Amino acid sequence: MFRIEIYTKPGCAGCEKMKALIKGSEYESITELKTIYGRSGKPNLDFIKGRGYNSIPVVRVFNDTKEEVFVGAVPLKYLKKMIQKVEG
C-alpha cells in the first residue's frame, strides 16, 4: 500500500492548491500534510532540504520499496501516474 506526504507551509499558494485537490479525493485518507513552518516543522524542513528540494509543496508518494517525489501543485491525474509508478 502506498502513502502520500505533502510538505507545506502557511501562505504558500501551491501548497493550498494541493491541499484543496486532495481534500475530498480518494487519496485524502492516505495523505499526511507535513508543515515545514516553525519549530515543530523543522524536522520536515530538514528532511526535504536534505534531499535537495528548495521549493514547495513537495509531494512524496511511497511504499516500503519505492518512492516518487515531485515539487509543485499538479493535477490529480499526474498524482495518479506517480502512484502507478510506485505500485508497479
Protein backbone atom coordinates (compact mmCIF):
# COMPACT_ATOMS: atom_id res chain seq x y z
CA MET A 1 0.00 0.00 0.00
CA PHE A 2 1.26 3.46 -0.84
CA ARG A 3 1.16 6.63 1.21
CA ILE A 4 1.36 10.30 0.34
CA GLU A 5 3.12 13.09 2.22
CA ILE A 6 2.78 16.73 1.22
CA TYR A 7 5.28 19.16 2.71
CA THR A 8 3.72 22.62 3.02
CA LYS A 9 3.84 25.95 4.81
CA PRO A 10 1.23 28.62 5.54
CA GLY A 11 0.74 31.22 2.84
CA CYS A 12 2.05 29.02 0.03
CA ALA A 13 -0.37 29.21 -2.92
CA GLY A 14 0.82 25.93 -4.44
CA CYS A 15 0.52 24.21 -1.07
CA GLU A 16 -3.05 25.42 -0.65
CA LYS A 17 -3.88 24.24 -4.16
CA MET A 18 -2.55 20.73 -3.44
CA LYS A 19 -4.45 20.60 -0.14
CA ALA A 20 -7.66 21.58 -1.95
CA LEU A 21 -7.12 18.94 -4.64
CA ILE A 22 -6.52 16.19 -2.07
CA LYS A 23 -9.43 17.21 0.17
CA GLY A 24 -12.42 15.08 -0.69
CA SER A 25 -10.45 12.96 -3.17
CA GLU A 26 -9.90 9.22 -2.96
CA TYR A 27 -6.40 10.00 -1.64
CA GLU A 28 -7.39 12.13 1.36
CA SER A 29 -7.35 9.28 3.90
CA ILE A 30 -3.80 8.17 2.99
CA THR A 31 -2.29 11.67 2.74
CA GLU A 32 -0.35 13.27 5.55
CA LEU A 33 0.21 17.02 5.45
CA LYS A 34 3.58 17.97 6.94
CA THR A 35 4.37 21.57 7.73
CA ILE A 36 7.87 22.93 7.29
CA TYR A 37 6.98 26.05 9.28
CA GLY A 38 8.14 26.89 12.77
CA ARG A 39 9.90 24.84 15.39
CA SER A 40 7.61 21.83 15.02
CA GLY A 41 8.17 21.83 11.24
CA LYS A 42 11.97 21.92 11.39
CA PRO A 43 12.44 18.12 11.08
CA ASN A 44 10.24 18.17 7.96
CA LEU A 45 12.18 21.12 6.53
CA ASP A 46 15.46 19.33 7.24
CA PHE A 47 14.10 16.21 5.52
CA ILE A 48 13.23 17.93 2.23
CA LYS A 49 16.33 20.15 2.22
CA GLY A 50 18.46 17.08 2.90
CA ARG A 51 17.06 15.61 -0.30
CA GLY A 52 17.90 18.75 -2.26
CA TYR A 53 14.44 20.33 -2.51
CA ASN A 54 14.27 24.10 -2.07
CA SER A 55 10.71 24.74 -3.28
CA ILE A 56 7.33 23.62 -2.01
CA PRO A 57 4.98 21.90 -1.99
CA VAL A 58 6.97 18.70 -2.08
CA VAL A 59 4.73 15.70 -2.74
CA ARG A 60 6.10 12.29 -1.82
CA VAL A 61 4.31 9.12 -2.96
CA PHE A 62 5.89 6.00 -1.48
CA ASN A 63 5.58 2.48 -0.18
CA ASP A 64 8.09 0.19 1.54
CA THR A 65 10.25 -0.25 -1.56
CA LYS A 66 9.67 2.66 -3.98
CA GLU A 67 9.11 6.37 -3.95
CA GLU A 68 8.30 9.16 -6.36
CA VAL A 69 8.75 12.81 -5.41
CA PHE A 70 7.70 15.94 -7.24
CA VAL A 71 7.65 19.63 -6.47
CA GLY A 72 4.72 21.90 -7.08
CA ALA A 73 0.97 21.68 -7.35
CA VAL A 74 -0.13 19.23 -10.02
CA PRO A 75 -3.46 17.83 -11.17
CA LEU A 76 -4.71 14.62 -9.58
CA LYS A 77 -4.20 12.76 -12.86
CA TYR A 78 -0.45 13.42 -12.54
CA LEU A 79 -0.53 12.25 -8.93
CA LYS A 80 -2.24 9.08 -10.11
CA LYS A 81 0.64 8.45 -12.54
CA MET A 82 3.11 8.76 -9.67
CA ILE A 83 1.03 6.30 -7.66
CA GLN A 84 1.05 3.83 -10.54
CA LYS A 85 4.86 4.05 -10.72
CA VAL A 86 5.13 3.29 -7.02
CA GLU A 87 2.65 0.44 -7.12
CA GLY A 88 4.43 -1.07 -10.11
